[in-house]
Amino acid sequence: MKSKFKKMASEKDSIPFVLIDAEKNKNSRKLADVSNLPTFASFRDGTLNDQIQTNKHALLKTFVHEA
């Protein structure tokens, strides 16, 4: 999913994408209330807006489109 996430990020100039490795940054899991990996989250004005746990590209694409 990491490569698909990076590709999506390169195609969406209007949305900032940030990749955080939750295995290496354990505190990030607490901040975004992550219970499963991979987790994708959207933030609005610094507040967690929504999140999805998936390894399916189509679901991630829909999530980004709706963010």
N, C-alpha and C. Protein backbone atom coordinates (compact mmCIF):
# COMPACT_ATOMS: atom_id res chain seq x y z
N MET A 1 0.81 -1.20 0.00
CA MET A 1 0.00 0.00 0.00
C MET A 1 0.85 1.26 0.00
N LYS A 2 2.07 1.15 0.52
CA LYS A 2 2.92 2.34 0.60
C LYS A 2 3.17 2.93 -0.77
N SER A 3 3.44 2.09 -1.76
CA SER A 3 3.71 2.60 -3.11
C SER A 3 2.46 3.23 -3.73
N LYS A 4 1.30 2.64 -3.47
CA LYS A 4 0.05 3.20 -3.99
C LYS A 4 -0.27 4.53 -3.30
N PHE A 5 0.01 4.61 -2.00
CA PHE A 5 -0.20 5.85 -1.26
C PHE A 5 0.70 6.95 -1.82
N LYS A 6 1.96 6.62 -2.06
CA LYS A 6 2.90 7.61 -2.60
C LYS A 6 2.48 8.06 -4.00
N LYS A 7 1.98 7.13 -4.81
CA LYS A 7 1.53 7.49 -6.16
C LYS A 7 0.33 8.44 -6.07
N MET A 8 -0.61 8.14 -5.18
CA MET A 8 -1.77 9.00 -5.01
C MET A 8 -1.34 10.39 -4.56
N ALA A 9 -0.39 10.43 -3.64
CA ALA A 9 0.11 11.72 -3.12
C ALA A 9 0.70 12.56 -4.24
N SER A 10 1.39 11.92 -5.17
CA SER A 10 2.01 12.67 -6.27
C SER A 10 0.98 13.19 -7.27
N GLU A 11 -0.22 12.62 -7.26
CA GLU A 11 -1.27 13.02 -8.19
C GLU A 11 -2.23 14.06 -7.61
N LYS A 12 -2.16 14.32 -6.31
CA LYS A 12 -3.10 15.23 -5.64
C LYS A 12 -2.34 16.39 -5.03
N ASP A 13 -2.12 17.44 -5.80
CA ASP A 13 -1.40 18.61 -5.29
C ASP A 13 -2.20 19.38 -4.25
N SER A 14 -3.52 19.28 -4.28
CA SER A 14 -4.36 20.07 -3.39
C SER A 14 -4.48 19.49 -1.98
N ILE A 15 -4.03 18.24 -1.80
CA ILE A 15 -4.13 17.57 -0.50
C ILE A 15 -2.73 17.20 -0.03
N PRO A 16 -2.31 17.68 1.15
CA PRO A 16 -1.01 17.24 1.67
C PRO A 16 -1.10 15.81 2.20
N PHE A 17 -0.19 14.97 1.76
CA PHE A 17 -0.11 13.59 2.22
C PHE A 17 1.12 13.46 3.11
N VAL A 18 0.97 12.76 4.23
CA VAL A 18 2.09 12.52 5.14
C VAL A 18 2.12 11.03 5.44
N LEU A 19 3.27 10.43 5.25
CA LEU A 19 3.45 9.01 5.52
C LEU A 19 4.18 8.86 6.84
N ILE A 20 3.55 8.17 7.79
CA ILE A 20 4.16 7.93 9.10
C ILE A 20 4.22 6.42 9.31
N ASP A 21 5.39 5.92 9.59
CA ASP A 21 5.56 4.50 9.86
C ASP A 21 5.21 4.24 11.32
N ALA A 22 4.04 3.69 11.57
CA ALA A 22 3.56 3.47 12.93
C ALA A 22 4.37 2.42 13.68
N GLU A 23 5.08 1.59 12.95
CA GLU A 23 5.96 0.61 13.59
C GLU A 23 7.16 1.32 14.22
N LYS A 24 7.64 2.36 13.56
CA LYS A 24 8.79 3.10 14.06
C LYS A 24 8.39 4.25 14.97
N ASN A 25 7.18 4.77 14.81
CA ASN A 25 6.68 5.91 15.59
C ASN A 25 5.45 5.50 16.38
N LYS A 26 5.68 4.79 17.47
CA LYS A 26 4.58 4.21 18.26
C LYS A 26 3.60 5.28 18.77
N ASN A 27 4.08 6.49 19.10
CA ASN A 27 3.19 7.54 19.60
C ASN A 27 2.17 7.97 18.56
N SER A 28 2.49 7.82 17.29
CA SER A 28 1.55 8.21 16.24
C SER A 28 0.28 7.39 16.32
N ARG A 29 0.38 6.16 16.77
CA ARG A 29 -0.80 5.31 16.92
C ARG A 29 -1.78 5.89 17.93
N LYS A 30 -1.26 6.41 19.01
CA LYS A 30 -2.12 7.00 20.05
C LYS A 30 -2.77 8.29 19.55
N LEU A 31 -2.01 9.10 18.86
CA LEU A 31 -2.53 10.39 18.40
C LEU A 31 -3.70 10.26 17.44
N ALA A 32 -3.67 9.23 16.61
CA ALA A 32 -4.74 9.04 15.62
C ALA A 32 -5.64 7.87 15.99
N ASP A 33 -5.51 7.36 17.20
CA ASP A 33 -6.34 6.25 17.68
C ASP A 33 -6.31 5.07 16.71
N VAL A 34 -5.10 4.64 16.37
CA VAL A 34 -4.91 3.55 15.41
C VAL A 34 -4.94 2.21 16.13
N SER A 35 -5.82 1.32 15.68
CA SER A 35 -5.89 -0.02 16.26
C SER A 35 -5.45 -1.10 15.28
N ASN A 36 -5.48 -0.81 13.99
CA ASN A 36 -5.06 -1.77 12.96
C ASN A 36 -4.21 -1.06 11.93
N LEU A 37 -3.35 -1.84 11.29
CA LEU A 37 -2.49 -1.31 10.22
C LEU A 37 -2.81 -2.03 8.93
N PRO A 38 -2.76 -1.36 7.80
CA PRO A 38 -2.49 0.06 7.65
C PRO A 38 -3.74 0.90 7.95
N THR A 39 -3.51 2.05 8.53
CA THR A 39 -4.57 3.01 8.81
C THR A 39 -4.28 4.29 8.04
N PHE A 40 -5.30 4.83 7.44
CA PHE A 40 -5.20 6.09 6.72
C PHE A 40 -6.16 7.06 7.40
N ALA A 41 -5.68 8.26 7.70
CA ALA A 41 -6.48 9.23 8.43
C ALA A 41 -6.52 10.55 7.68
N SER A 42 -7.62 11.25 7.83
CA SER A 42 -7.71 12.60 7.29
C SER A 42 -7.89 13.56 8.46
N PHE A 43 -7.24 14.70 8.34
CA PHE A 43 -7.30 15.72 9.38
C PHE A 43 -7.81 17.01 8.75
N ARG A 44 -8.57 17.76 9.52
CA ARG A 44 -9.06 19.06 9.08
C ARG A 44 -8.78 20.06 10.19
N ASP A 45 -8.04 21.11 9.85
CA ASP A 45 -7.66 22.13 10.84
C ASP A 45 -6.98 21.51 12.06
N GLY A 46 -6.15 20.48 11.82
CA GLY A 46 -5.38 19.85 12.89
C GLY A 46 -6.14 18.85 13.73
N THR A 47 -7.39 18.56 13.36
CA THR A 47 -8.21 17.63 14.12
C THR A 47 -8.51 16.40 13.27
N LEU A 48 -8.45 15.23 13.90
CA LEU A 48 -8.77 13.99 13.19
C LEU A 48 -10.19 14.07 12.68
N ASN A 49 -10.34 13.94 11.36
CA ASN A 49 -11.64 14.05 10.71
C ASN A 49 -12.26 12.68 10.46
N ASP A 50 -11.46 11.75 9.95
CA ASP A 50 -11.95 10.43 9.59
C ASP A 50 -10.76 9.50 9.42
N GLN A 51 -11.02 8.21 9.45
CA GLN A 51 -9.94 7.26 9.19
C GLN A 51 -10.51 5.96 8.65
N ILE A 52 -9.62 5.19 8.02
CA ILE A 52 -10.00 3.90 7.46
C ILE A 52 -8.82 2.95 7.63
N GLN A 53 -9.12 1.71 7.95
CA GLN A 53 -8.10 0.67 8.01
C GLN A 53 -8.37 -0.27 6.84
N THR A 54 -7.44 -0.26 5.89
CA THR A 54 -7.65 -1.10 4.71
C THR A 54 -6.33 -1.36 3.99
N ASN A 55 -6.29 -2.45 3.27
CA ASN A 55 -5.18 -2.71 2.36
C ASN A 55 -5.71 -2.82 0.93
N LYS A 56 -6.92 -2.33 0.72
CA LYS A 56 -7.55 -2.35 -0.61
C LYS A 56 -7.44 -0.96 -1.25
N HIS A 57 -6.82 -0.93 -2.41
CA HIS A 57 -6.57 0.32 -3.11
C HIS A 57 -7.86 1.07 -3.44
N ALA A 58 -8.88 0.37 -3.86
CA ALA A 58 -10.14 1.03 -4.24
C ALA A 58 -10.76 1.75 -3.05
N LEU A 59 -10.72 1.14 -1.86
CA LEU A 59 -11.28 1.79 -0.67
C LEU A 59 -10.46 3.01 -0.28
N LEU A 60 -9.14 2.91 -0.40
CA LEU A 60 -8.28 4.05 -0.10
C LEU A 60 -8.56 5.20 -1.06
N LYS A 61 -8.72 4.87 -2.33
CA LYS A 61 -8.99 5.89 -3.35
C LYS A 61 -10.31 6.62 -3.05
N THR A 62 -11.34 5.89 -2.66
CA THR A 62 -12.62 6.49 -2.29
C THR A 62 -12.47 7.37 -1.06
N PHE A 63 -11.71 6.89 -0.08
CA PHE A 63 -11.48 7.65 1.15
C PHE A 63 -10.81 8.98 0.84
N VAL A 64 -9.79 8.96 -0.01
CA VAL A 64 -9.07 10.20 -0.36
C VAL A 64 -10.01 11.14 -1.13
N HIS A 65 -10.79 10.59 -2.03
CA HIS A 65 -11.72 11.40 -2.81
C HIS A 65 -12.74 12.12 -1.92
N GLU A 66 -13.18 11.45 -0.85
CA GLU A 66 -14.18 12.01 0.04
C GLU A 66 -13.59 12.90 1.11
N ALA A 67 -12.27 12.92 1.26
CA ALA A 67 -11.62 13.69 2.35
C ALA A 67 -11.75 15.17 2.19
